[in-house]
Amino acid sequence: MPRNRLLLFVSFLLTTSLFSQPVYLRTGPVQPKGNISTQSLDSFARTAPRFAGSAFAVIRFDALPTQAEKEKLKASGITLLDYLPQNAFIAVIRNLPSAQLLRTVKAGAIFQLTPQQKMPQQLAQGKLPSWAVKTAGTVDLWLSFYKTLPADSVLQQLAKLGVDVIATNHISYRIIALRIAPDRINEIAALPFVEFIQAAPPKDQPLTDNSLAAAKAAPLRAPVVAGGRG
């Protein structure tokens, strides 16, 4: 009997350790609290900002979903996009399924990113690189948007908000160059279609297909040294 209790206790510790693993972003680890309940999901459905009929969030799973489970989520209104370690995905949410269905696919938590989690730490602290300040009172930025969204819709929304779009030559990589006042950085990062925002690179930095592809590929994902897959 004592042996069985010890095995149960060890199993509980291992399970708790697995389920409480953080999600690693480029801005640092996030420890989401389990919130897959009817009340939490109803609150999310009411308050989550949407764009083009969709909300965007991070879903952390207790174990990686199988392909069949991904298809079940997709049929219920959730499409999983880029992987975030550990066991999390950026998700586009058109309809929010029941808490019961989410628990059957081992979803443990769902949360939306803050503006500060969508930008490098220095930018969040108001530290603007000199090369990104071309005009007094403004900063040049690169904005990446989610892969499921049409570029035209994103550009139209930015125009409505009075954002100065200065270049779209990398739009096939989902990158738009902006020029805005520094006090609008958080406002723009908070927009639901924004995946990541960063200072525009120096002009003397060569932009190859590889570097653009790296900028396009899951900007939120942490590098290997922080727990990511690279």
Foldseek 3Di string as FASTA:
>chain_A
DVVVVVVVVVVVVVLVVLQQDWWQWQQGTDGFAFDLAQVSVVVCVVPFDDDPQKFKKKWAFSDAFDPVLQVVVVVQFKHFDDDTPPRMTIIIGNDDDHSVSCVVRRTGDIGHDALCLQEHVCLVVVNADPQQCPDPQKGKKKWAFDPVDDPVSVVVVCVVVVWAFDDCPLCVLRITITIDGSVCSRVVSRDRGTRHMYGDDHPPDDDDPVNSNVCSRRNTYHDVVNPGPD
